[in-house]
Protein backbone atom coordinates (compact mmCIF):
# COMPACT_ATOMS: atom_id res chain seq x y z
CA MET A 1 -14.20 -68.50 11.94
CA SER A 2 -15.55 -65.05 11.19
CA GLY A 3 -14.07 -61.94 12.78
CA PRO A 4 -15.89 -59.40 14.90
CA GLU A 5 -18.74 -57.44 13.38
CA PRO A 6 -17.50 -54.06 12.11
CA ARG A 7 -18.62 -51.11 14.20
CA PRO A 8 -21.32 -49.07 12.47
CA LEU A 9 -20.26 -45.58 11.51
CA PRO A 10 -21.86 -42.82 13.61
CA PRO A 11 -24.54 -40.75 11.89
CA ARG A 12 -23.00 -38.00 9.80
CA ILE A 13 -23.41 -34.58 11.38
CA GLU A 14 -24.46 -32.06 8.74
CA PRO A 15 -23.22 -28.46 8.85
CA PRO A 16 -25.62 -25.52 9.03
CA ASP A 17 -26.68 -23.57 5.94
CA GLN A 18 -24.33 -20.66 6.65
CA ASP A 19 -21.37 -23.05 6.48
CA ARG A 20 -22.62 -24.61 3.26
CA ALA A 21 -22.92 -21.14 1.72
CA CYS A 22 -19.13 -20.91 2.13
CA GLY A 23 -18.49 -24.39 0.71
CA MET A 24 -17.86 -25.99 4.13
CA GLU A 25 -20.02 -29.09 3.71
CA PHE A 26 -18.61 -31.58 6.24
CA TYR A 27 -17.08 -32.16 9.66
CA LEU A 28 -14.02 -34.38 9.93
CA SER A 29 -14.67 -35.44 13.52
CA PRO A 30 -17.70 -37.78 13.86
CA SER A 31 -18.15 -37.06 17.60
CA PRO A 32 -21.08 -34.84 18.67
CA GLY A 33 -20.20 -31.20 19.22
CA VAL A 34 -20.65 -29.03 22.29
CA GLY A 35 -22.39 -26.06 20.64
CA GLY A 36 -21.72 -22.77 22.36
CA ARG A 37 -21.22 -19.21 21.19
CA LEU A 38 -18.06 -17.55 19.95
CA ARG A 39 -17.52 -13.77 20.22
CA ASP A 40 -20.20 -12.95 22.75
CA GLU A 41 -17.71 -10.25 23.70
CA VAL A 42 -14.90 -8.82 21.59
CA GLU A 43 -12.43 -10.04 24.24
CA ASP A 44 -13.49 -13.64 23.53
CA PHE A 45 -11.46 -13.67 20.31
CA GLN A 46 -7.86 -12.50 20.59
CA VAL A 47 -5.31 -13.03 17.84
CA ASP A 48 -1.66 -11.96 17.79
CA GLU A 49 0.31 -12.19 14.59
CA ILE A 50 3.56 -14.18 14.78
CA SER A 51 5.33 -11.74 12.49
CA ARG A 52 8.36 -11.78 10.28
CA TYR A 53 9.81 -8.36 11.07
CA PRO A 54 11.46 -6.50 8.19
CA MET A 55 15.10 -5.61 8.86
CA PRO A 56 15.45 -2.30 10.78
CA ASP A 57 17.27 0.46 8.93
CA ALA A 58 17.51 4.00 10.31
CA SER A 59 17.62 5.39 6.77
CA GLY A 60 14.91 3.10 5.39
CA ARG A 61 12.06 4.60 3.37
CA TYR A 62 9.39 2.58 5.21
CA VAL A 63 8.05 2.72 8.73
CA VAL A 64 6.87 -0.57 10.22
CA VAL A 65 4.18 -0.24 12.89
CA ARG A 66 2.71 -2.83 15.21
CA ILE A 67 -0.93 -2.05 15.93
CA ARG A 68 -3.56 -3.40 18.27
CA ALA A 69 -7.09 -3.04 16.90
CA LEU A 70 -10.34 -3.53 18.81
CA ASP A 71 -13.33 -4.61 16.68
CA VAL A 72 -12.14 -2.91 13.47
CA GLU A 73 -12.45 -4.55 10.04
CA GLN A 74 -9.02 -4.61 8.43
CA ASN A 75 -9.82 -2.90 5.12
CA THR A 76 -11.63 -0.18 7.07
CA LEU A 77 -8.62 0.16 9.39
CA ILE A 78 -6.26 0.55 6.43
CA ALA A 79 -8.55 3.14 4.82
CA ARG A 80 -8.67 5.13 8.08
CA MET A 81 -4.87 4.98 8.47
CA THR A 82 -4.41 6.06 4.85
CA ARG A 83 -6.61 9.13 5.37
CA ALA A 84 -5.11 10.02 8.75
CA LEU A 85 -1.55 9.93 7.41
CA GLY A 86 -2.25 11.37 3.97
CA LEU A 87 -0.93 8.29 2.17
CA PRO A 88 -1.94 7.16 -1.33
CA PRO A 89 -4.44 4.28 -1.60
CA GLY A 90 -2.83 0.85 -1.65
CA SER A 91 0.43 2.03 -0.12
CA ILE A 92 0.03 0.34 3.29
CA GLY A 93 1.50 -3.16 3.44
CA TYR A 94 0.35 -6.05 5.63
CA ALA A 95 1.13 -9.75 5.94
CA GLY A 96 -2.30 -11.28 6.48
CA THR A 97 -5.98 -10.50 7.03
CA LYS A 98 -7.30 -10.57 10.58
CA ASP A 99 -10.76 -11.03 12.07
CA ARG A 100 -13.05 -8.10 12.66
CA ARG A 101 -14.91 -8.80 15.91
CA ALA A 102 -11.71 -9.45 17.81
CA ILE A 103 -8.71 -7.93 19.51
CA THR A 104 -5.88 -8.21 17.00
CA THR A 105 -2.22 -7.23 16.84
CA GLN A 106 -0.27 -7.17 13.58
CA LEU A 107 2.37 -5.38 11.53
CA PHE A 108 1.77 -2.79 8.82
CA SER A 109 4.30 -0.88 6.73
CA LEU A 110 3.93 2.72 5.58
CA PRO A 111 5.92 4.59 2.93
CA TRP A 112 7.38 7.43 4.99
CA PRO A 113 10.19 9.44 3.35
CA GLN A 114 9.83 12.41 5.71
CA PRO A 115 11.92 12.62 8.93
CA GLY A 116 10.73 11.09 12.18
CA LEU A 117 8.03 8.51 12.82
CA PRO A 118 4.31 8.95 12.14
CA SER A 119 1.75 9.36 14.89
CA PHE A 120 -2.01 9.11 14.72
CA GLU A 121 -5.04 8.61 16.93
CA LEU A 122 -7.85 6.39 15.69
CA SER A 123 -10.78 4.99 17.64
CA GLY A 124 -10.18 1.39 18.67
CA VAL A 125 -6.55 1.47 17.51
CA THR A 126 -3.36 1.49 19.62
CA LEU A 127 0.10 2.04 18.18
CA LEU A 128 2.37 -0.41 20.03
CA GLU A 129 5.71 0.17 18.29
CA ALA A 130 7.22 1.81 15.23
CA TYR A 131 10.62 1.69 13.54
CA ARG A 132 12.20 2.45 10.20
CA ALA A 133 12.92 -0.38 7.78
CA ARG A 134 14.39 -0.79 4.32
CA ASP A 135 11.68 -3.18 3.14
CA PRO A 136 7.87 -3.15 3.46
CA VAL A 137 5.63 -5.77 5.06
CA THR A 138 4.37 -8.02 2.26
CA LEU A 139 1.44 -10.40 1.96
CA GLY A 140 2.31 -13.80 3.43
CA ALA A 141 5.36 -12.55 5.34
CA LEU A 142 4.37 -14.05 8.68
CA TYR A 143 4.81 -17.36 10.49
CA GLY A 144 1.29 -17.69 11.83
CA ASN A 145 -1.06 -16.43 14.53
CA ARG A 146 -1.52 -17.06 18.23
CA PHE A 147 -5.11 -17.31 19.50
CA ARG A 148 -6.89 -17.05 22.82
CA LEU A 149 -10.56 -17.88 22.43
CA ARG A 150 -13.54 -18.37 24.74
CA LEU A 151 -16.54 -20.48 23.80
CA ARG A 152 -19.53 -19.56 25.94
CA GLY A 153 -23.01 -20.94 26.51
CA LEU A 154 -22.10 -24.65 26.86
CA ARG A 155 -25.11 -26.30 28.48
CA GLU A 156 -24.03 -29.82 29.41
CA GLU A 157 -22.74 -30.77 32.82
CA THR A 158 -18.97 -30.91 33.29
CA GLY A 159 -19.00 -34.70 33.58
CA ALA A 160 -20.28 -35.00 29.98
CA LEU A 161 -18.87 -31.82 28.49
CA GLU A 162 -15.15 -32.21 29.08
CA PRO A 163 -15.00 -35.84 27.82
CA ARG A 164 -16.81 -34.70 24.69
CA LEU A 165 -14.20 -32.00 24.05
CA GLN A 166 -11.46 -34.58 24.55
CA ALA A 167 -13.19 -37.03 22.19
CA ILE A 168 -13.27 -34.44 19.40
CA GLU A 169 -9.62 -33.62 19.97
CA GLY A 170 -8.84 -37.35 19.79
CA ASP A 171 -10.74 -37.67 16.50
CA LEU A 172 -8.70 -34.88 14.92
CA ARG A 173 -5.38 -36.22 16.18
CA ALA A 174 -6.26 -39.63 14.76
CA HIS A 175 -6.86 -37.99 11.36
CA GLY A 176 -3.57 -36.08 11.56
CA GLY A 177 -5.12 -32.61 11.75
CA PHE A 178 -8.24 -30.62 10.89
CA PRO A 179 -9.63 -29.69 7.46
CA ASN A 180 -7.70 -26.76 6.02
CA LEU A 181 -10.88 -25.02 4.91
CA PHE A 182 -11.16 -21.27 4.54
CA GLY A 183 -13.19 -19.84 7.40
CA PRO A 184 -16.35 -17.75 7.13
CA GLN A 185 -14.48 -14.48 7.64
CA ARG A 186 -12.87 -15.07 4.24
CA PHE A 187 -16.29 -14.53 2.67
CA GLY A 188 -17.69 -11.77 4.92
CA GLU A 189 -19.17 -12.82 8.24
CA ALA A 190 -22.07 -10.36 8.33
CA ARG A 191 -22.71 -10.52 4.58
CA PRO A 192 -21.01 -13.58 3.04
CA MET A 193 -20.78 -12.43 -0.55
CA THR A 194 -17.14 -11.67 -1.36
CA HIS A 195 -16.90 -14.94 -3.30
CA TRP A 196 -20.00 -14.05 -5.35
CA VAL A 197 -18.36 -10.73 -6.26
CA GLY A 198 -15.25 -12.71 -7.20
CA LYS A 199 -17.21 -15.17 -9.32
CA ALA A 200 -18.76 -12.30 -11.29
CA LEU A 201 -15.27 -10.88 -11.91
CA VAL A 202 -13.94 -14.26 -13.07
CA ARG A 203 -16.86 -14.58 -15.45
CA GLY A 204 -16.05 -11.14 -16.84
CA SER A 205 -19.06 -9.24 -15.49
CA VAL A 206 -17.72 -6.28 -13.52
CA GLU A 207 -21.24 -4.85 -13.66
CA GLU A 208 -22.61 -7.86 -11.75
CA ALA A 209 -19.72 -7.63 -9.29
CA VAL A 210 -20.52 -3.99 -8.47
CA GLU A 211 -24.24 -4.74 -8.26
CA THR A 212 -23.63 -7.66 -5.90
CA TYR A 213 -21.37 -5.64 -3.62
CA LEU A 214 -23.86 -2.78 -3.37
CA SER A 215 -27.16 -4.62 -3.07
CA TRP A 216 -26.75 -8.29 -2.08
CA LEU A 217 -28.26 -9.43 1.23
CA PRO A 218 -28.29 -12.98 2.67
CA ALA A 219 -31.49 -14.98 2.33
CA GLY A 220 -33.62 -14.61 5.43
CA SER A 221 -32.35 -11.15 6.34
CA PRO A 222 -34.79 -9.37 8.66
CA SER A 223 -37.38 -7.15 7.02
CA GLY A 224 -35.96 -3.64 6.72
CA SER A 225 -32.38 -4.83 7.24
CA GLU A 226 -30.14 -2.44 5.30
CA SER A 227 -33.17 -1.28 3.33
CA PHE A 228 -30.94 1.15 1.43
CA ARG A 229 -29.46 -1.85 -0.41
CA ALA A 230 -32.89 -3.03 -1.52
CA ALA A 231 -33.79 0.50 -2.59
CA TYR A 232 -30.68 0.79 -4.72
CA GLN A 233 -31.31 -2.64 -6.26
CA GLU A 234 -34.78 -1.45 -7.29
CA THR A 235 -34.01 2.06 -8.53
CA HIS A 236 -30.23 2.29 -9.16
CA ASP A 237 -30.55 5.93 -8.14
CA THR A 238 -26.98 6.74 -7.09
CA SER A 239 -27.87 10.17 -5.69
CA ALA A 240 -30.52 8.71 -3.41
CA ALA A 241 -28.20 5.86 -2.46
CA LEU A 242 -25.44 8.29 -1.44
CA ARG A 243 -27.93 9.99 0.87
CA ALA A 244 -29.12 6.65 2.27
CA PHE A 245 -25.89 4.64 2.68
CA PRO A 246 -24.42 5.47 6.12
CA PRO A 247 -20.92 7.02 6.24
CA ALA A 248 -19.55 3.82 7.80
CA PHE A 249 -20.13 2.01 4.48
CA THR A 250 -16.88 3.42 3.09
CA PHE A 251 -16.37 1.18 0.09
CA GLU A 252 -19.99 1.15 -1.05
CA ARG A 253 -19.89 4.95 -1.02
CA ILE A 254 -16.69 4.97 -3.09
CA LEU A 255 -18.47 2.94 -5.78
CA LEU A 256 -21.59 5.10 -5.64
CA GLU A 257 -19.61 8.35 -5.85
CA LYS A 258 -17.78 7.15 -8.96
CA LEU A 259 -21.00 5.93 -10.58
CA GLU A 260 -22.67 9.25 -9.74
CA ARG A 261 -19.84 11.06 -11.54
CA GLY A 262 -20.47 9.03 -14.69
CA ARG A 263 -17.82 6.33 -14.35
CA ASP A 264 -18.76 2.93 -15.75
CA ALA A 265 -18.66 -0.20 -13.56
CA VAL A 266 -15.00 -0.92 -14.39
CA GLY A 267 -13.92 2.62 -13.54
CA ALA A 268 -15.89 2.64 -10.30
CA PHE A 269 -14.54 -0.77 -9.29
CA ARG A 270 -10.94 0.32 -9.88
CA ALA A 271 -11.41 3.08 -7.29
CA LEU A 272 -11.63 0.46 -4.53
CA PRO A 273 -8.39 -0.37 -2.67
CA ARG A 274 -6.43 -3.03 -4.52
CA GLY A 275 -6.28 -5.24 -1.43
CA LEU A 276 -10.07 -5.37 -1.35
CA ARG A 277 -10.37 -5.99 -5.10
CA THR A 278 -7.86 -8.83 -4.86
CA LEU A 279 -9.76 -10.29 -1.92
CA PHE A 280 -12.82 -10.85 -4.11
CA VAL A 281 -10.97 -13.11 -6.56
CA HIS A 282 -9.14 -14.89 -3.74
CA ALA A 283 -12.46 -15.46 -1.95
CA TYR A 284 -13.89 -17.21 -5.00
CA GLN A 285 -10.79 -19.39 -5.27
CA SER A 286 -11.23 -20.16 -1.56
CA PHE A 287 -14.88 -21.09 -2.07
CA LEU A 288 -13.94 -23.49 -4.87
CA PHE A 289 -11.25 -25.03 -2.66
CA ASN A 290 -13.75 -25.54 0.18
CA ARG A 291 -16.20 -27.23 -2.16
CA LEU A 292 -13.47 -29.38 -3.65
CA LEU A 293 -12.28 -30.50 -0.21
CA SER A 294 -15.87 -31.23 0.85
CA ARG A 295 -16.53 -33.33 -2.23
CA ARG A 296 -13.29 -35.23 -1.78
CA PHE A 297 -14.26 -36.11 1.78
CA ARG A 298 -17.74 -37.21 0.75
CA ALA A 299 -16.26 -39.34 -2.02
CA GLY A 300 -14.32 -41.25 0.64
CA LEU A 301 -10.86 -40.07 -0.47
CA PRO A 302 -8.38 -39.57 2.38
CA LEU A 303 -7.12 -36.13 3.39
CA HIS A 304 -4.06 -37.37 5.26
CA ARG A 305 -2.46 -39.50 2.52
CA PRO A 306 -2.17 -39.13 -1.26
CA VAL A 307 -3.88 -41.08 -4.02
CA PRO A 308 -2.95 -41.13 -7.72
CA GLY A 309 -3.93 -37.81 -9.28
CA ASP A 310 -3.05 -35.78 -6.17
CA ARG A 311 -0.27 -33.24 -5.75
CA VAL A 312 2.11 -33.30 -2.79
CA GLN A 313 3.36 -30.05 -1.26
CA ARG A 314 6.94 -30.14 0.01
CA LEU A 315 7.68 -28.22 3.20
CA ALA A 316 10.69 -26.14 4.19
CA ALA A 317 13.04 -27.21 6.98
CA ASP A 318 10.92 -25.27 9.51
CA GLY A 319 7.83 -27.25 8.46
CA LEU A 320 6.16 -24.31 6.70
CA ASP A 321 4.98 -23.95 3.13
CA ALA A 322 7.84 -22.27 1.26
CA GLY A 323 6.14 -22.20 -2.13
CA PHE A 324 8.08 -25.13 -3.58
CA PRO A 325 6.60 -26.66 -6.75
CA THR A 326 4.19 -29.46 -5.95
CA LEU A 327 4.90 -33.04 -6.98
CA PRO A 328 2.35 -35.09 -8.95
CA VAL A 329 1.31 -38.42 -7.46
CA THR A 330 1.12 -41.38 -9.83
CA ALA A 331 0.64 -45.10 -9.40
CA ASP A 332 4.40 -45.49 -9.94
CA ASN A 333 5.56 -43.09 -7.21
CA LEU A 334 2.64 -43.53 -4.78
CA ALA A 335 4.66 -45.43 -2.15
CA GLU A 336 7.38 -42.77 -2.17
CA MET A 337 4.84 -39.92 -1.89
CA GLU A 338 3.13 -41.72 0.99
CA ARG A 339 6.48 -41.88 2.80
CA PHE A 340 7.06 -38.16 2.23
CA VAL A 341 3.66 -37.30 3.71
CA SER A 342 3.84 -39.74 6.64
CA SER A 343 7.29 -38.37 7.56
CA GLY A 344 5.87 -34.86 7.96
CA ARG A 345 8.07 -33.49 5.15
CA SER A 346 5.14 -33.01 2.77
CA ARG A 347 1.36 -32.63 2.75
CA VAL A 348 -1.36 -33.60 0.32
CA ALA A 349 -2.49 -30.43 -1.47
CA GLY A 350 -5.42 -29.28 -3.57
CA PRO A 351 -5.64 -26.48 -6.15
CA LEU A 352 -6.56 -22.86 -5.63
CA VAL A 353 -7.52 -22.70 -9.28
CA GLY A 354 -5.93 -20.21 -11.65
CA THR A 355 -4.61 -19.95 -15.19
CA ASP A 356 -1.60 -22.20 -14.50
CA THR A 357 -3.37 -24.94 -12.55
CA PRO A 358 -2.11 -28.22 -14.07
CA GLU A 359 -4.44 -30.61 -15.83
CA PRO A 360 -5.68 -32.95 -13.09
CA SER A 361 -5.85 -36.72 -13.29
CA GLY A 362 -7.28 -39.65 -11.38
CA GLU A 363 -10.29 -39.45 -9.10
CA PRO A 364 -9.23 -36.11 -7.55
CA GLY A 365 -9.06 -34.69 -11.09
CA GLU A 366 -12.52 -35.96 -11.95
CA ILE A 367 -13.96 -34.25 -8.86
CA PHE A 368 -12.15 -31.02 -9.77
CA GLU A 369 -13.32 -30.99 -13.40
CA ARG A 370 -16.95 -31.67 -12.46
CA LEU A 371 -16.85 -28.75 -10.03
CA LEU A 372 -15.52 -26.31 -12.63
CA GLU A 373 -18.13 -27.51 -15.11
CA GLU A 374 -20.93 -26.95 -12.60
CA GLU A 375 -19.60 -23.47 -11.83
CA GLY A 376 -19.44 -22.66 -15.53
CA ILE A 377 -15.82 -21.52 -15.43
CA SER A 378 -12.40 -22.60 -16.71
CA ARG A 379 -8.80 -21.99 -15.72
CA ALA A 380 -8.46 -19.47 -18.56
CA ASP A 381 -11.18 -17.28 -16.99
CA PHE A 382 -8.72 -16.29 -14.26
CA ARG A 383 -6.89 -14.13 -16.83
CA LEU A 384 -9.59 -11.57 -16.01
CA PRO A 385 -9.17 -9.41 -19.16
CA ARG A 386 -11.45 -6.64 -17.83
CA THR A 387 -9.56 -6.40 -14.52
CA PRO A 388 -6.11 -7.67 -15.55
CA ASP A 389 -4.34 -6.50 -12.37
CA LEU A 390 -6.34 -9.16 -10.49
CA ARG A 391 -5.45 -12.13 -12.72
CA SER A 392 -4.28 -15.21 -10.86
CA LYS A 393 -2.02 -18.07 -11.85
CA GLY A 394 -3.34 -20.20 -8.98
CA THR A 395 -1.46 -22.18 -6.37
CA PHE A 396 -1.89 -25.20 -4.09
CA ARG A 397 -3.01 -25.49 -0.48
CA ALA A 398 -2.64 -28.34 1.99
CA LEU A 399 -5.82 -30.34 2.56
CA LEU A 400 -5.13 -30.81 6.29
CA ALA A 401 -3.83 -28.33 8.84
CA PRO A 402 -1.71 -29.87 11.63
CA LEU A 403 -3.40 -29.83 15.00
CA PRO A 404 -1.56 -27.69 17.58
CA LEU A 405 0.29 -29.70 20.23
CA VAL A 406 -1.67 -27.84 22.93
CA LEU A 407 -5.27 -26.71 22.47
CA PHE A 408 -6.35 -25.97 26.04
CA PRO A 409 -4.54 -24.10 28.84
CA GLY A 410 -2.43 -26.62 30.71
CA GLY A 411 -3.09 -29.19 28.00
CA GLN A 412 -6.46 -30.27 29.38
CA ALA A 413 -10.03 -29.28 28.53
CA ARG A 414 -11.61 -27.63 31.57
CA THR A 415 -14.81 -25.64 31.65
CA GLN A 416 -15.78 -22.83 33.99
CA PRO A 417 -19.30 -21.96 35.19
CA GLY A 418 -20.87 -18.87 33.65
CA PRO A 419 -23.32 -16.40 35.23
CA ASP A 420 -26.31 -17.84 33.36
CA GLY A 421 -25.81 -21.43 34.51
CA THR A 422 -23.95 -22.42 31.34
CA ARG A 423 -20.25 -23.13 31.08
CA THR A 424 -17.32 -21.55 29.22
CA VAL A 425 -14.23 -23.21 27.80
CA GLU A 426 -11.02 -21.40 26.88
CA MET A 427 -8.66 -22.48 24.11
CA THR A 428 -5.14 -21.15 23.52
CA PHE A 429 -3.09 -22.27 20.52
CA ALA A 430 -1.03 -21.14 17.55
CA LEU A 431 -1.71 -21.90 13.89
CA GLU A 432 0.42 -21.55 10.79
CA LYS A 433 -0.30 -18.73 8.39
CA GLY A 434 -3.38 -19.23 6.27
CA GLU A 435 -5.09 -21.55 8.77
CA TYR A 436 -8.36 -20.55 10.43
CA ALA A 437 -9.13 -20.80 14.13
CA THR A 438 -12.86 -20.67 13.30
CA VAL A 439 -12.50 -23.83 11.19
CA LEU A 440 -10.86 -25.65 14.09
CA LEU A 441 -13.56 -24.35 16.48
CA ARG A 442 -16.41 -25.54 14.26
CA GLU A 443 -15.22 -29.13 14.69
CA PHE A 444 -15.80 -28.69 18.43
CA GLN A 445 -19.08 -26.79 18.13
CA LYS A 446 -20.84 -28.67 15.30
CA LEU A 447 -23.78 -26.31 15.03
CA GLY A 448 -25.61 -28.38 12.41
CA GLY A 449 -27.75 -31.49 12.87
CA ILE A 450 -27.78 -35.18 11.97
């Protein structure tokens, strides 16, 4: 006697082009999305860093400040603080990069040997607290971030909308989390090109990296949009470009000023803040990771359990990534690695490629090698001989991010009517460091088509 007919899989929902440009080529949840708009207002995206505070020390040489910023891009904020306080470039420490069009709170550290605490007034910036410390804030020294988000413009009636939100949440819980992709802000939301700058650096062409940063515009940009970029691309007249680029384009103007003074591309590029220069290489590694995760999903390999050729990332006692060496998965230890992952003590991880990325094996390795071949790069390219301070050994990143226990206020999806006849839903949750709220939100929105 034959069993029941298998249920047909729902049609695959394809992401929009702007997601694909960042390597995000799939949705994990098969349920239809609710659409909507994020960041209609700056207040719709609020993020508070769950910080690891450096130890206070009245005689410490650093000052740690907690700052609230309103709609300020982080590298721009750091540059403004550096100028206001007369600090050398690259001296301000921070734990993680925050969104621009948002209200954000986070820690920074300042080298401050003089007596007292610094004070400054910057537009859109509020100094919440300050204290002396013996150690600076360093990259990665945070637990995570707490979010309060509003998604506006939902057009379906409540009777259909709220069950749809719950269905998507159920899909993700059944998978054990959401894809740990890097969100669009990693690549530049208005002008997603940081990974293309990074690729040029990895391939050894600092000239192409500078050119891309100064002149690249997304396909389909409105006619006349940032026409000064197109003019520079055509003429490479740095004097004219310095007159045309608005003062707000701080980093473009730094490059142009150095080029105008006769510096070559490498010299001009080195004048940028190190945090920004590092971001370019990291963005390209992030793009490769997104593409690798997308290809793995489309190949039918699981994200929530290991297969031979994978690496497993062990977690610390608090459940966070502590940087332990990853463990290779083989046919011989597969059952043991599956137990580690199912117990919550480990996660399946994929490479953020660098010089020390191990030789892959199995089907995950085949996918990885094909991707590098298509990109025309190798692990050795991340030595970056022309910009050696940016070289990267590589690391590993979990394929899935755990879904927060609570996503909606009160634990239940409820929508509120908006003034234009649409509805708004609020989400409040915390994520571990390195995980993106926008990636979680895209599973609910699904702005692409079938």
